[in-house]
PDB file of N, CA and C in Angstrom:
ATOM      1  N   MET A   1     109.951 -71.197 -30.725  1.00  0.00           N
ATOM      2  CA  MET A   1     109.512 -70.244 -31.728  1.00  0.00           C
ATOM      3  C   MET A   1     108.424 -69.350 -31.132  1.00  0.00           C
ATOM      4  N   THR A   2     108.539 -68.066 -31.352  1.00  0.00           N
ATOM      5  CA  THR A   2     107.549 -67.114 -30.871  1.00  0.00           C
ATOM      6  C   THR A   2     106.677 -66.674 -32.039  1.00  0.00           C
ATOM      7  N   THR A   3     105.380 -66.841 -31.894  1.00  0.00           N
ATOM      8  CA  THR A   3     104.432 -66.385 -32.903  1.00  0.00           C
ATOM      9  C   THR A   3     103.837 -65.071 -32.432  1.00  0.00           C
ATOM     10  N   THR A   4     103.968 -64.046 -33.246  1.00  0.00           N
ATOM     11  CA  THR A   4     103.433 -62.747 -32.857  1.00  0.00           C
ATOM     12  C   THR A   4     102.002 -62.543 -33.344  1.00  0.00           C
ATOM     13  N   SER A   5     101.627 -63.260 -34.403  1.00  0.00           N
ATOM     14  CA  SER A   5     100.280 -63.102 -34.925  1.00  0.00           C
ATOM     15  C   SER A   5      99.921 -64.281 -35.816  1.00  0.00           C
ATOM     16  N   VAL A   6      98.668 -64.651 -35.804  1.00  0.00           N
ATOM     17  CA  VAL A   6      98.147 -65.631 -36.750  1.00  0.00           C
ATOM     18  C   VAL A   6      97.441 -64.828 -37.832  1.00  0.00           C
ATOM     19  N   VAL A   7      97.841 -65.051 -39.084  1.00  0.00           N
ATOM     20  CA  VAL A   7      97.281 -64.312 -40.206  1.00  0.00           C
ATOM     21  C   VAL A   7      96.404 -65.245 -41.028  1.00  0.00           C
ATOM     22  N   SER A   8      95.136 -64.916 -41.164  1.00  0.00           N
ATOM     23  CA  SER A   8      94.228 -65.642 -42.044  1.00  0.00           C
ATOM     24  C   SER A   8      94.286 -64.968 -43.397  1.00  0.00           C
ATOM     25  N   ILE A   9      94.667 -65.731 -44.430  1.00  0.00           N
ATOM     26  CA  ILE A   9      94.804 -65.180 -45.779  1.00  0.00           C
ATOM     27  C   ILE A   9      93.577 -65.542 -46.607  1.00  0.00           C
ATOM     28  N   VAL A  10      92.992 -64.542 -47.232  1.00  0.00           N
ATOM     29  CA  VAL A  10      91.858 -64.727 -48.135  1.00  0.00           C
ATOM     30  C   VAL A  10      92.334 -64.328 -49.530  1.00  0.00           C
ATOM     31  N   TYR A  11      92.240 -65.262 -50.479  1.00  0.00           N
ATOM     32  CA  TYR A  11      92.665 -64.991 -51.849  1.00  0.00           C
ATOM     33  C   TYR A  11      91.550 -64.271 -52.598  1.00  0.00           C
ATOM     34  N   VAL A  12      91.914 -63.166 -53.230  1.00  0.00           N
ATOM     35  CA  VAL A  12      90.943 -62.315 -53.918  1.00  0.00           C
ATOM     36  C   VAL A  12      91.482 -61.919 -55.288  1.00  0.00           C
ATOM     37  N   ASN A  13      90.592 -61.484 -56.171  1.00  0.00           N
ATOM     38  CA  ASN A  13      90.998 -61.017 -57.500  1.00  0.00           C
ATOM     39  C   ASN A  13      91.576 -59.606 -57.469  1.00  0.00           C
ATOM     40  N   ASP A  14      91.034 -58.759 -56.622  1.00  0.00           N
ATOM     41  CA  ASP A  14      91.407 -57.346 -56.572  1.00  0.00           C
ATOM     42  C   ASP A  14      91.528 -56.944 -55.113  1.00  0.00           C
ATOM     43  N   ALA A  15      92.756 -56.883 -54.602  1.00  0.00           N
ATOM     44  CA  ALA A  15      92.972 -56.610 -53.176  1.00  0.00           C
ATOM     45  C   ALA A  15      92.377 -55.269 -52.730  1.00  0.00           C
ATOM     46  N   PRO A  16      92.587 -54.164 -53.469  1.00  0.00           N
ATOM     47  CA  PRO A  16      91.981 -52.907 -53.021  1.00  0.00           C
ATOM     48  C   PRO A  16      90.453 -52.953 -52.970  1.00  0.00           C
ATOM     49  N   ALA A  17      89.819 -53.594 -53.944  1.00  0.00           N
ATOM     50  CA  ALA A  17      88.352 -53.706 -53.931  1.00  0.00           C
ATOM     51  C   ALA A  17      87.903 -54.575 -52.762  1.00  0.00           C
ATOM     52  N   ALA A  18      88.614 -55.675 -52.530  1.00  0.00           N
ATOM     53  CA  ALA A  18      88.279 -56.549 -51.405  1.00  0.00           C
ATOM     54  C   ALA A  18      88.480 -55.817 -50.083  1.00  0.00           C
ATOM     55  N   ALA A  19      89.519 -54.983 -50.004  1.00  0.00           N
ATOM     56  CA  ALA A  19      89.774 -54.223 -48.775  1.00  0.00           C
ATOM     57  C   ALA A  19      88.638 -53.243 -48.500  1.00  0.00           C
ATOM     58  N   ARG A  20      88.080 -52.647 -49.533  1.00  0.00           N
ATOM     59  CA  ARG A  20      86.936 -51.752 -49.336  1.00  0.00           C
ATOM     60  C   ARG A  20      85.740 -52.545 -48.790  1.00  0.00           C
ATOM     61  N   PHE A  21      85.508 -53.726 -49.362  1.00  0.00           N
ATOM     62  CA  PHE A  21      84.407 -54.587 -48.920  1.00  0.00           C
ATOM     63  C   PHE A  21      84.590 -54.984 -47.453  1.00  0.00           C
ATOM     64  N   TYR A  22      85.752 -55.551 -47.119  1.00  0.00           N
ATOM     65  CA  TYR A  22      85.991 -56.004 -45.743  1.00  0.00           C
ATOM     66  C   TYR A  22      86.084 -54.823 -44.776  1.00  0.00           C
ATOM     67  N   GLY A  23      86.684 -53.731 -45.201  1.00  0.00           N
ATOM     68  CA  GLY A  23      86.766 -52.546 -44.344  1.00  0.00           C
ATOM     69  C   GLY A  23      85.390 -52.041 -43.970  1.00  0.00           C
ATOM     70  N   ASP A  24      84.459 -52.062 -44.934  1.00  0.00           N
ATOM     71  CA  ASP A  24      83.089 -51.643 -44.669  1.00  0.00           C
ATOM     72  C   ASP A  24      82.412 -52.595 -43.685  1.00  0.00           C
ATOM     73  N   LEU A  25      82.603 -53.917 -43.879  1.00  0.00           N
ATOM     74  CA  LEU A  25      81.976 -54.882 -42.980  1.00  0.00           C
ATOM     75  C   LEU A  25      82.556 -54.814 -41.572  1.00  0.00           C
ATOM     76  N   LEU A  26      83.876 -54.647 -41.487  1.00  0.00           N
ATOM     77  CA  LEU A  26      84.550 -54.643 -40.192  1.00  0.00           C
ATOM     78  C   LEU A  26      84.537 -53.280 -39.515  1.00  0.00           C
ATOM     79  N   GLY A  27      84.243 -52.241 -40.278  1.00  0.00           N
ATOM     80  CA  GLY A  27      84.267 -50.890 -39.720  1.00  0.00           C
ATOM     81  C   GLY A  27      85.675 -50.442 -39.367  1.00  0.00           C
ATOM     82  N   MET A  28      86.645 -50.815 -40.197  1.00  0.00           N
ATOM     83  CA  MET A  28      88.030 -50.436 -39.915  1.00  0.00           C
ATOM     84  C   MET A  28      88.809 -50.235 -41.207  1.00  0.00           C
ATOM     85  N   SER A  29      89.963 -49.626 -41.071  1.00  0.00           N
ATOM     86  CA  SER A  29      90.863 -49.398 -42.202  1.00  0.00           C
ATOM     87  C   SER A  29      91.998 -50.409 -42.160  1.00  0.00           C
ATOM     88  N   PRO A  30      92.605 -50.683 -43.313  1.00  0.00           N
ATOM     89  CA  PRO A  30      93.734 -51.607 -43.338  1.00  0.00           C
ATOM     90  C   PRO A  30      94.893 -51.105 -42.475  1.00  0.00           C
ATOM     91  N   SER A  31      95.660 -52.047 -41.970  1.00  0.00           N
ATOM     92  CA  SER A  31      96.848 -51.707 -41.177  1.00  0.00           C
ATOM     93  C   SER A  31      98.108 -51.741 -42.026  1.00  0.00           C
ATOM     94  N   PHE A  32      98.048 -52.414 -43.188  1.00  0.00           N
ATOM     95  CA  PHE A  32      99.196 -52.520 -44.095  1.00  0.00           C
ATOM     96  C   PHE A  32      98.647 -52.667 -45.503  1.00  0.00           C
ATOM     97  N   GLU A  33      99.244 -51.926 -46.462  1.00  0.00           N
ATOM     98  CA  GLU A  33      98.736 -51.985 -47.840  1.00  0.00           C
ATOM     99  C   GLU A  33      99.852 -51.981 -48.859  1.00  0.00           C
ATOM    100  N   THR A  34      99.776 -52.924 -49.791  1.00  0.00           N
ATOM    101  CA  THR A  34     100.535 -52.895 -51.034  1.00  0.00           C
ATOM    102  C   THR A  34      99.484 -53.111 -52.126  1.00  0.00           C
ATOM    103  N   PRO A  35      99.826 -52.971 -53.399  1.00  0.00           N
ATOM    104  CA  PRO A  35      98.793 -53.152 -54.431  1.00  0.00           C
ATOM    105  C   PRO A  35      98.130 -54.537 -54.426  1.00  0.00           C
ATOM    106  N   GLY A  36      98.842 -55.576 -54.006  1.00  0.00           N
ATOM    107  CA  GLY A  36      98.269 -56.920 -54.067  1.00  0.00           C
ATOM    108  C   GLY A  36      98.132 -57.627 -52.740  1.00  0.00           C
ATOM    109  N   TYR A  37      98.499 -56.959 -51.634  1.00  0.00           N
ATOM    110  CA  TYR A  37      98.450 -57.598 -50.311  1.00  0.00           C
ATOM    111  C   TYR A  37      98.079 -56.543 -49.271  1.00  0.00           C
ATOM    112  N   ILE A  38      96.935 -56.740 -48.629  1.00  0.00           N
ATOM    113  CA  ILE A  38      96.414 -55.756 -47.678  1.00  0.00           C
ATOM    114  C   ILE A  38      95.991 -56.497 -46.416  1.00  0.00           C
ATOM    115  N   THR A  39      96.372 -55.952 -45.256  1.00  0.00           N
ATOM    116  CA  THR A  39      96.004 -56.612 -44.007  1.00  0.00           C
ATOM    117  C   THR A  39      95.180 -55.698 -43.104  1.00  0.00           C
ATOM    118  N   PHE A  40      94.410 -56.349 -42.237  1.00  0.00           N
ATOM    119  CA  PHE A  40      93.651 -55.693 -41.188  1.00  0.00           C
ATOM    120  C   PHE A  40      94.117 -56.265 -39.861  1.00  0.00           C
ATOM    121  N   ASP A  41      94.444 -55.404 -38.924  1.00  0.00           N
ATOM    122  CA  ASP A  41      94.822 -55.822 -37.580  1.00  0.00           C
ATOM    123  C   ASP A  41      93.533 -56.031 -36.801  1.00  0.00           C
ATOM    124  N   LEU A  42      93.240 -57.289 -36.465  1.00  0.00           N
ATOM    125  CA  LEU A  42      91.991 -57.618 -35.797  1.00  0.00           C
ATOM    126  C   LEU A  42      92.121 -57.627 -34.274  1.00  0.00           C
ATOM    127  N   GLY A  43      93.292 -57.300 -33.777  1.00  0.00           N
ATOM    128  CA  GLY A  43      93.517 -57.306 -32.336  1.00  0.00           C
ATOM    129  C   GLY A  43      94.747 -58.131 -32.023  1.00  0.00           C
ATOM    130  N   PRO A  44      95.087 -58.245 -30.757  1.00  0.00           N
ATOM    131  CA  PRO A  44      96.304 -58.969 -30.382  1.00  0.00           C
ATOM    132  C   PRO A  44      96.338 -60.387 -30.955  1.00  0.00           C
ATOM    133  N   GLY A  45      97.347 -60.640 -31.767  1.00  0.00           N
ATOM    134  CA  GLY A  45      97.569 -61.986 -32.285  1.00  0.00           C
ATOM    135  C   GLY A  45      96.745 -62.407 -33.474  1.00  0.00           C
ATOM    136  N   ALA A  46      95.998 -61.506 -34.096  1.00  0.00           N
ATOM    137  CA  ALA A  46      95.148 -61.902 -35.224  1.00  0.00           C
ATOM    138  C   ALA A  46      95.124 -60.830 -36.302  1.00  0.00           C
ATOM    139  N   ASP A  47      95.357 -61.261 -37.540  1.00  0.00           N
ATOM    140  CA  ASP A  47      95.281 -60.383 -38.697  1.00  0.00           C
ATOM    141  C   ASP A  47      94.507 -61.076 -39.811  1.00  0.00           C
ATOM    142  N   LEU A  48      93.862 -60.271 -40.644  1.00  0.00           N
ATOM    143  CA  LEU A  48      93.195 -60.755 -41.847  1.00  0.00           C
ATOM    144  C   LEU A  48      93.946 -60.165 -43.024  1.00  0.00           C
ATOM    145  N   ALA A  49      94.411 -61.027 -43.940  1.00  0.00           N
ATOM    146  CA  ALA A  49      95.140 -60.567 -45.123  1.00  0.00           C
ATOM    147  C   ALA A  49      94.337 -60.869 -46.383  1.00  0.00           C
ATOM    148  N   LEU A  50      94.314 -59.921 -47.294  1.00  0.00           N
ATOM    149  CA  LEU A  50      93.671 -60.077 -48.605  1.00  0.00           C
ATOM    150  C   LEU A  50      94.789 -60.080 -49.623  1.00  0.00           C
ATOM    151  N   TRP A  51      94.892 -61.146 -50.402  1.00  0.00           N
ATOM    152  CA  TRP A  51      96.030 -61.322 -51.301  1.00  0.00           C
ATOM    153  C   TRP A  51      95.553 -61.630 -52.710  1.00  0.00           C
ATOM    154  N   SER A  52      95.884 -60.746 -53.640  1.00  0.00           N
ATOM    155  CA  SER A  52      95.620 -61.024 -55.059  1.00  0.00           C
ATOM    156  C   SER A  52      96.954 -61.372 -55.700  1.00  0.00           C
ATOM    157  N   GLY A  53      96.909 -62.127 -56.755  1.00  0.00           N
ATOM    158  CA  GLY A  53      98.137 -62.509 -57.438  1.00  0.00           C
ATOM    159  C   GLY A  53      98.549 -63.941 -57.154  1.00  0.00           C
ATOM    160  N   GLN A  54      98.021 -64.535 -56.085  1.00  0.00           N
ATOM    161  CA  GLN A  54      98.336 -65.930 -55.796  1.00  0.00           C
ATOM    162  C   GLN A  54      97.606 -66.841 -56.788  1.00  0.00           C
ATOM    163  N   PHE A  55      96.378 -66.485 -57.102  1.00  0.00           N
ATOM    164  CA  PHE A  55      95.574 -67.209 -58.082  1.00  0.00           C
ATOM    165  C   PHE A  55      95.009 -66.180 -59.042  1.00  0.00           C
ATOM    166  N   GLU A  56      94.772 -66.570 -60.271  1.00  0.00           N
ATOM    167  CA  GLU A  56      94.179 -65.652 -61.239  1.00  0.00           C
ATOM    168  C   GLU A  56      92.736 -66.050 -61.508  1.00  0.00           C
ATOM    169  N   ASP A  57      91.912 -65.060 -61.695  1.00  0.00           N
ATOM    170  CA  ASP A  57      90.510 -65.255 -62.070  1.00  0.00           C
ATOM    171  C   ASP A  57      89.762 -66.182 -61.127  1.00  0.00           C
ATOM    172  N   LEU A  58      89.795 -65.864 -59.846  1.00  0.00           N
ATOM    173  CA  LEU A  58      88.994 -66.618 -58.886  1.00  0.00           C
ATOM    174  C   LEU A  58      87.532 -66.477 -59.262  1.00  0.00           C
ATOM    175  N   SER A  59      86.790 -67.538 -59.134  1.00  0.00           N
ATOM    176  CA  SER A  59      85.370 -67.506 -59.464  1.00  0.00           C
ATOM    177  C   SER A  59      84.542 -67.794 -58.220  1.00  0.00           C
ATOM    178  N   PRO A  60      83.486 -67.010 -57.985  1.00  0.00           N
ATOM    179  CA  PRO A  60      82.606 -67.298 -56.855  1.00  0.00           C
ATOM    180  C   PRO A  60      81.926 -68.665 -56.973  1.00  0.00           C
ATOM    181  N   ASN A  61      81.916 -69.259 -58.184  1.00  0.00           N
ATOM    182  CA  ASN A  61      81.242 -70.536 -58.392  1.00  0.00           C
ATOM    183  C   ASN A  61      82.043 -71.727 -57.891  1.00  0.00           C
ATOM    184  N   VAL A  62      83.346 -71.545 -57.629  1.00  0.00           N
ATOM    185  CA  VAL A  62      84.177 -72.646 -57.145  1.00  0.00           C
ATOM    186  C   VAL A  62      83.816 -72.922 -55.689  1.00  0.00           C
ATOM    187  N   PRO A  63      83.509 -74.181 -55.342  1.00  0.00           N
ATOM    188  CA  PRO A  63      83.163 -74.481 -53.941  1.00  0.00           C
ATOM    189  C   PRO A  63      84.309 -74.110 -53.000  1.00  0.00           C
ATOM    190  N   ARG A  64      83.967 -73.516 -51.873  1.00  0.00           N
ATOM    191  CA  ARG A  64      84.947 -73.130 -50.869  1.00  0.00           C
ATOM    192  C   ARG A  64      84.875 -74.114 -49.709  1.00  0.00           C
ATOM    193  N   THR A  65      86.023 -74.447 -49.145  1.00  0.00           N
ATOM    194  CA  THR A  65      86.062 -75.410 -48.046  1.00  0.00           C
ATOM    195  C   THR A  65      86.525 -74.792 -46.736  1.00  0.00           C
ATOM    196  N   SER A  66      86.741 -73.486 -46.720  1.00  0.00           N
ATOM    197  CA  SER A  66      87.126 -72.814 -45.484  1.00  0.00           C
ATOM    198  C   SER A  66      86.326 -71.528 -45.344  1.00  0.00           C
ATOM    199  N   GLU A  67      86.371 -70.973 -44.147  1.00  0.00           N
ATOM    200  CA  GLU A  67      85.624 -69.755 -43.860  1.00  0.00           C
ATOM    201  C   GLU A  67      86.472 -68.822 -43.010  1.00  0.00           C
ATOM    202  N   VAL A  68      86.220 -67.541 -43.138  1.00  0.00           N
ATOM    203  CA  VAL A  68      86.678 -66.565 -42.170  1.00  0.00           C
ATOM    204  C   VAL A  68      85.508 -66.425 -41.206  1.00  0.00           C
ATOM    205  N   CYS A  69      85.763 -66.601 -39.921  1.00  0.00           N
ATOM    206  CA  CYS A  69      84.688 -66.489 -38.939  1.00  0.00           C
ATOM    207  C   CYS A  69      84.888 -65.236 -38.112  1.00  0.00           C
ATOM    208  N   LEU A  70      83.896 -64.388 -38.108  1.00  0.00           N
ATOM    209  CA  LEU A  70      83.902 -63.204 -37.255  1.00  0.00           C
ATOM    210  C   LEU A  70      83.165 -63.577 -35.976  1.00  0.00           C
ATOM    211  N   ALA A  71      83.933 -63.812 -34.925  1.00  0.00           N
ATOM    212  CA  ALA A  71      83.366 -64.224 -33.641  1.00  0.00           C
ATOM    213  C   ALA A  71      82.981 -62.974 -32.862  1.00  0.00           C
ATOM    214  N   ILE A  72      81.716 -62.859 -32.549  1.00  0.00           N
ATOM    215  CA  ILE A  72      81.168 -61.671 -31.903  1.00  0.00           C
ATOM    216  C   ILE A  72      81.168 -61.873 -30.384  1.00  0.00           C
ATOM    217  N   GLY A  73      81.911 -61.018 -29.694  1.00  0.00           N
ATOM    218  CA  GLY A  73      81.929 -61.073 -28.230  1.00  0.00           C
ATOM    219  C   GLY A  73      80.533 -60.852 -27.684  1.00  0.00           C
ATOM    220  N   GLY A  74      80.138 -61.674 -26.742  1.00  0.00           N
ATOM    221  CA  GLY A  74      78.758 -61.610 -26.252  1.00  0.00           C
ATOM    222  C   GLY A  74      77.898 -62.508 -27.115  1.00  0.00           C
ATOM    223  N   GLY A  75      77.875 -62.199 -28.404  1.00  0.00           N
ATOM    224  CA  GLY A  75      77.211 -63.037 -29.397  1.00  0.00           C
ATOM    225  C   GLY A  75      75.754 -63.359 -29.115  1.00  0.00           C
ATOM    226  N   ARG A  76      75.057 -62.418 -28.489  1.00  0.00           N
ATOM    227  CA  ARG A  76      73.633 -62.651 -28.246  1.00  0.00           C
ATOM    228  C   ARG A  76      72.896 -62.730 -29.581  1.00  0.00           C
ATOM    229  N   PRO A  77      71.805 -63.497 -29.629  1.00  0.00           N
ATOM    230  CA  PRO A  77      71.050 -63.615 -30.879  1.00  0.00           C
ATOM    231  C   PRO A  77      70.660 -62.268 -31.481  1.00  0.00           C
ATOM    232  N   ASP A  78      70.290 -61.284 -30.640  1.00  0.00           N
ATOM    233  CA  ASP A  78      69.895 -59.987 -31.191  1.00  0.00           C
ATOM    234  C   ASP A  78      71.081 -59.290 -31.860  1.00  0.00           C
ATOM    235  N   GLU A  79      72.299 -59.497 -31.348  1.00  0.00           N
ATOM    236  CA  GLU A  79      73.493 -58.915 -31.979  1.00  0.00           C
ATOM    237  C   GLU A  79      73.759 -59.569 -33.336  1.00  0.00           C
ATOM    238  N   ILE A  80      73.673 -60.893 -33.383  1.00  0.00           N
ATOM    239  CA  ILE A  80      73.895 -61.624 -34.640  1.00  0.00           C
ATOM    240  C   ILE A  80      72.843 -61.214 -35.668  1.00  0.00           C
ATOM    241  N   ASN A  81      71.582 -61.128 -35.249  1.00  0.00           N
ATOM    242  CA  ASN A  81      70.508 -60.710 -36.165  1.00  0.00           C
ATOM    243  C   ASN A  81      70.704 -59.281 -36.654  1.00  0.00           C
ATOM    244  N   ALA A  82      71.189 -58.396 -35.792  1.00  0.00           N
ATOM    245  CA  ALA A  82      71.422 -57.002 -36.197  1.00  0.00           C
ATOM    246  C   ALA A  82      72.519 -56.933 -37.256  1.00  0.00           C
ATOM    247  N   ILE A  83      73.586 -57.702 -37.086  1.00  0.00           N
ATOM    248  CA  ILE A  83      74.663 -57.733 -38.093  1.00  0.00           C
ATOM    249  C   ILE A  83      74.119 -58.308 -39.391  1.00  0.00           C
ATOM    250  N   PHE A  84      73.328 -59.376 -39.299  1.00  0.00           N
ATOM    251  CA  PHE A  84      72.726 -59.980 -40.484  1.00  0.00           C
ATOM    252  C   PHE A  84      71.902 -58.946 -41.257  1.00  0.00           C
ATOM    253  N   LYS A  85      71.042 -58.212 -40.570  1.00  0.00           N
ATOM    254  CA  LYS A  85      70.195 -57.212 -41.231  1.00  0.00           C
ATOM    255  C   LYS A  85      71.032 -56.087 -41.838  1.00  0.00           C
ATOM    256  N   GLN A  86      72.078 -55.680 -41.127  1.00  0.00           N
ATOM    257  CA  GLN A  86      72.967 -54.637 -41.645  1.00  0.00           C
ATOM    258  C   GLN A  86      73.655 -55.116 -42.926  1.00  0.00           C
ATOM    259  N   TRP A  87      74.172 -56.329 -42.913  1.00  0.00           N
ATOM    260  CA  TRP A  87      74.840 -56.855 -44.101  1.00  0.00           C
ATOM    261  C   TRP A  87      73.865 -57.026 -45.254  1.00  0.00           C
ATOM    262  N   GLN A  88      72.660 -57.493 -44.965  1.00  0.00           N
ATOM    263  CA  GLN A  88      71.633 -57.612 -46.008  1.00  0.00           C
ATOM    264  C   GLN A  88      71.378 -56.259 -46.653  1.00  0.00           C
ATOM    265  N   SER A  89      71.272 -55.207 -45.830  1.00  0.00           N
ATOM    266  CA  SER A  89      70.985 -53.874 -46.362  1.00  0.00           C
ATOM    267  C   SER A  89      72.131 -53.343 -47.212  1.00  0.00           C
ATOM    268  N   LYS A  90      73.342 -53.865 -46.993  1.00  0.00           N
ATOM    269  CA  LYS A  90      74.511 -53.463 -47.796  1.00  0.00           C
ATOM    270  C   LYS A  90      74.621 -54.280 -49.075  1.00  0.00           C
ATOM    271  N   GLY A  91      73.742 -55.266 -49.242  1.00  0.00           N
ATOM    272  CA  GLY A  91      73.770 -56.091 -50.445  1.00  0.00           C
ATOM    273  C   GLY A  91      74.771 -57.234 -50.399  1.00  0.00           C
ATOM    274  N   VAL A  92      75.241 -57.595 -49.197  1.00  0.00           N
ATOM    275  CA  VAL A  92      76.174 -58.709 -49.059  1.00  0.00           C
ATOM    276  C   VAL A  92      75.457 -60.007 -49.426  1.00  0.00           C
ATOM    277  N   THR A  93      76.123 -60.874 -50.167  1.00  0.00           N
ATOM    278  CA  THR A  93      75.550 -62.167 -50.542  1.00  0.00           C
ATOM    279  C   THR A  93      75.416 -63.040 -49.299  1.00  0.00           C
ATOM    280  N   ILE A  94      74.200 -63.472 -49.017  1.00  0.00           N
ATOM    281  CA  ILE A  94      73.925 -64.332 -47.866  1.00  0.00           C
ATOM    282  C   ILE A  94      73.786 -65.766 -48.374  1.00  0.00           C
ATOM    283  N   LEU A  95      74.588 -66.671 -47.816  1.00  0.00           N
ATOM    284  CA  LEU A  95      74.544 -68.074 -48.215  1.00  0.00           C
ATOM    285  C   LEU A  95      73.640 -68.906 -47.316  1.00  0.00           C
ATOM    286  N   HIS A  96      73.541 -68.519 -46.040  1.00  0.00           N
ATOM    287  CA  HIS A  96      72.688 -69.241 -45.097  1.00  0.00           C
ATOM    288  C   HIS A  96      72.223 -68.248 -44.037  1.00  0.00           C
ATOM    289  N   GLU A  97      70.924 -68.066 -43.942  1.00  0.00           N
ATOM    290  CA  GLU A  97      70.363 -67.100 -42.998  1.00  0.00           C
ATOM    291  C   GLU A  97      70.606 -67.547 -41.559  1.00  0.00           C
ATOM    292  N   PRO A  98      70.401 -66.645 -40.592  1.00  0.00           N
ATOM    293  CA  PRO A  98      70.648 -67.000 -39.194  1.00  0.00           C
ATOM    294  C   PRO A  98      69.906 -68.266 -38.776  1.00  0.00           C
ATOM    295  N   HIS A  99      70.639 -69.125 -38.081  1.00  0.00           N
ATOM    296  CA  HIS A  99      70.092 -70.387 -37.584  1.00  0.00           C
ATOM    297  C   HIS A  99      70.930 -70.827 -36.379  1.00  0.00           C
ATOM    298  N   ASP A 100      70.379 -71.700 -35.570  1.00  0.00           N
ATOM    299  CA  ASP A 100      71.106 -72.220 -34.413  1.00  0.00           C
ATOM    300  C   ASP A 100      71.903 -73.428 -34.869  1.00  0.00           C
ATOM    301  N   ALA A 101      73.218 -73.351 -34.737  1.00  0.00           N
ATOM    302  CA  ALA A 101      74.090 -74.438 -35.177  1.00  0.00           C
ATOM    303  C   ALA A 101      74.633 -75.244 -34.000  1.00  0.00           C
ATOM    304  N   GLY A 102      73.989 -75.141 -32.837  1.00  0.00           N
ATOM    305  CA  GLY A 102      74.431 -75.888 -31.678  1.00  0.00           C
ATOM    306  C   GLY A 102      75.361 -75.095 -30.776  1.00  0.00           C
ATOM    307  N   PHE A 103      76.091 -74.144 -31.352  1.00  0.00           N
ATOM    308  CA  PHE A 103      76.982 -73.286 -30.564  1.00  0.00           C
ATOM    309  C   PHE A 103      76.413 -71.872 -30.459  1.00  0.00           C
ATOM    310  N   GLY A 104      75.212 -71.684 -30.986  1.00  0.00           N
ATOM    311  CA  GLY A 104      74.557 -70.388 -30.958  1.00  0.00           C
ATOM    312  C   GLY A 104      74.087 -69.983 -32.339  1.00  0.00           C
ATOM    313  N   LEU A 105      73.498 -68.819 -32.411  1.00  0.00           N
ATOM    314  CA  LEU A 105      72.983 -68.302 -33.668  1.00  0.00           C
ATOM    315  C   LEU A 105      74.146 -67.911 -34.577  1.00  0.00           C
ATOM    316  N   THR A 106      74.054 -68.280 -35.841  1.00  0.00           N
ATOM    317  CA  THR A 106      75.114 -67.999 -36.803  1.00  0.00           C
ATOM    318  C   THR A 106      74.502 -67.799 -38.181  1.00  0.00           C
ATOM    319  N   PHE A 107      75.234 -67.101 -39.052  1.00  0.00           N
ATOM    320  CA  PHE A 107      74.842 -67.032 -40.461  1.00  0.00           C
ATOM    321  C   PHE A 107      76.090 -67.026 -41.317  1.00  0.00           C
ATOM    322  N   LEU A 108      75.891 -67.301 -42.604  1.00  0.00           N
ATOM    323  CA  LEU A 108      77.003 -67.430 -43.530  1.00  0.00           C
ATOM    324  C   LEU A 108      76.794 -66.508 -44.721  1.00  0.00           C
ATOM    325  N   ALA A 109      77.837 -65.765 -45.056  1.00  0.00           N
ATOM    326  CA  ALA A 109      77.801 -64.832 -46.187  1.00  0.00           C
ATOM    327  C   ALA A 109      78.987 -65.135 -47.098  1.00  0.00           C
ATOM    328  N   ALA A 110      79.086 -64.370 -48.189  1.00  0.00           N
ATOM    329  CA  ALA A 110      80.210 -64.524 -49.111  1.00  0.00           C
ATOM    330  C   ALA A 110      80.686 -63.160 -49.550  1.00  0.00           C
ATOM    331  N   ASP A 111      81.995 -63.055 -49.777  1.00  0.00           N
ATOM    332  CA  ASP A 111      82.545 -61.821 -50.331  1.00  0.00           C
ATOM    333  C   ASP A 111      82.373 -61.862 -51.846  1.00  0.00           C
ATOM    334  N   PRO A 112      82.709 -60.795 -52.570  1.00  0.00           N
ATOM    335  CA  PRO A 112      82.507 -60.784 -54.027  1.00  0.00           C
ATOM    336  C   PRO A 112      83.281 -61.867 -54.782  1.00  0.00           C
ATOM    337  N   ASP A 113      84.343 -62.429 -54.175  1.00  0.00           N
ATOM    338  CA  ASP A 113      85.099 -63.502 -54.817  1.00  0.00           C
ATOM    339  C   ASP A 113      84.582 -64.880 -54.437  1.00  0.00           C
ATOM    340  N   GLY A 114      83.528 -64.937 -53.630  1.00  0.00           N
ATOM    341  CA  GLY A 114      82.936 -66.218 -53.238  1.00  0.00           C
ATOM    342  C   GLY A 114      83.500 -66.792 -51.952  1.00  0.00           C
ATOM    343  N   ASN A 115      84.436 -66.099 -51.308  1.00  0.00           N
ATOM    344  CA  ASN A 115      84.978 -66.582 -50.042  1.00  0.00           C
ATOM    345  C   ASN A 115      83.907 -66.493 -48.965  1.00  0.00           C
ATOM    346  N   ARG A 116      83.860 -67.515 -48.108  1.00  0.00           N
ATOM    347  CA  ARG A 116      82.817 -67.617 -47.096  1.00  0.00           C
ATOM    348  C   ARG A 116      83.183 -66.831 -45.836  1.00  0.00           C
ATOM    349  N   ILE A 117      82.184 -66.130 -45.299  1.00  0.00           N
ATOM    350  CA  ILE A 117      82.351 -65.363 -44.067  1.00  0.00           C
ATOM    351  C   ILE A 117      81.234 -65.776 -43.116  1.00  0.00           C
ATOM    352  N   ARG A 118      81.604 -66.358 -41.987  1.00  0.00           N
ATOM    353  CA  ARG A 118      80.628 -66.750 -40.976  1.00  0.00           C
ATOM    354  C   ARG A 118      80.625 -65.713 -39.856  1.00  0.00           C
ATOM    355  N   VAL A 119      79.445 -65.404 -39.365  1.00  0.00           N
ATOM    356  CA  VAL A 119      79.301 -64.583 -38.168  1.00  0.00           C
ATOM    357  C   VAL A 119      78.714 -65.506 -37.105  1.00  0.00           C
ATOM    358  N   ALA A 120      79.392 -65.576 -35.955  1.00  0.00           N
ATOM    359  CA  ALA A 120      78.984 -66.496 -34.902  1.00  0.00           C
ATOM    360  C   ALA A 120      79.348 -65.898 -33.552  1.00  0.00           C
ATOM    361  N   PRO A 121      78.752 -66.423 -32.477  1.00  0.00           N
ATOM    362  CA  PRO A 121      79.129 -65.945 -31.148  1.00  0.00           C
ATOM    363  C   PRO A 121      80.531 -66.418 -30.792  1.00  0.00           C
ATOM    364  N   LYS A 122      81.240 -65.599 -30.051  1.00  0.00           N
ATOM    365  CA  LYS A 122      82.572 -66.001 -29.581  1.00  0.00           C
ATOM    366  C   LYS A 122      82.377 -66.996 -28.447  1.00  0.00           C
ATOM    367  N   GLY A 123      82.960 -68.162 -28.606  1.00  0.00           N
ATOM    368  CA  GLY A 123      82.751 -69.246 -27.638  1.00  0.00           C
ATOM    369  C   GLY A 123      83.582 -69.165 -26.406  1.00  0.00           C
TER     370      GLY A 123
END
């Protein structure tokens, strides 16, 4: 079997609104759009999909057990801190401020639906 891409699916209440949020954070536009399913091409072999309609009325209060991790090439502490400050200035919900987790400096944020987004150095 040949796999052309691994797609990470994030369930959201409103795919277009979520796409605006993620597009702003990632600095990119979607690569594929339907009213309830929108994807971002993150590079060879990786896509991020935002899907509404799979679940109804997602609540940010429901505990999440998975994360989307944005692995930053180089991942120097000053780069991670700069992204953290930029996201803070945009009003992104921060769940855990930058800290050393053993693999480098990392922080944890949440999208408007409560999905977790980690920023960490690429290992």
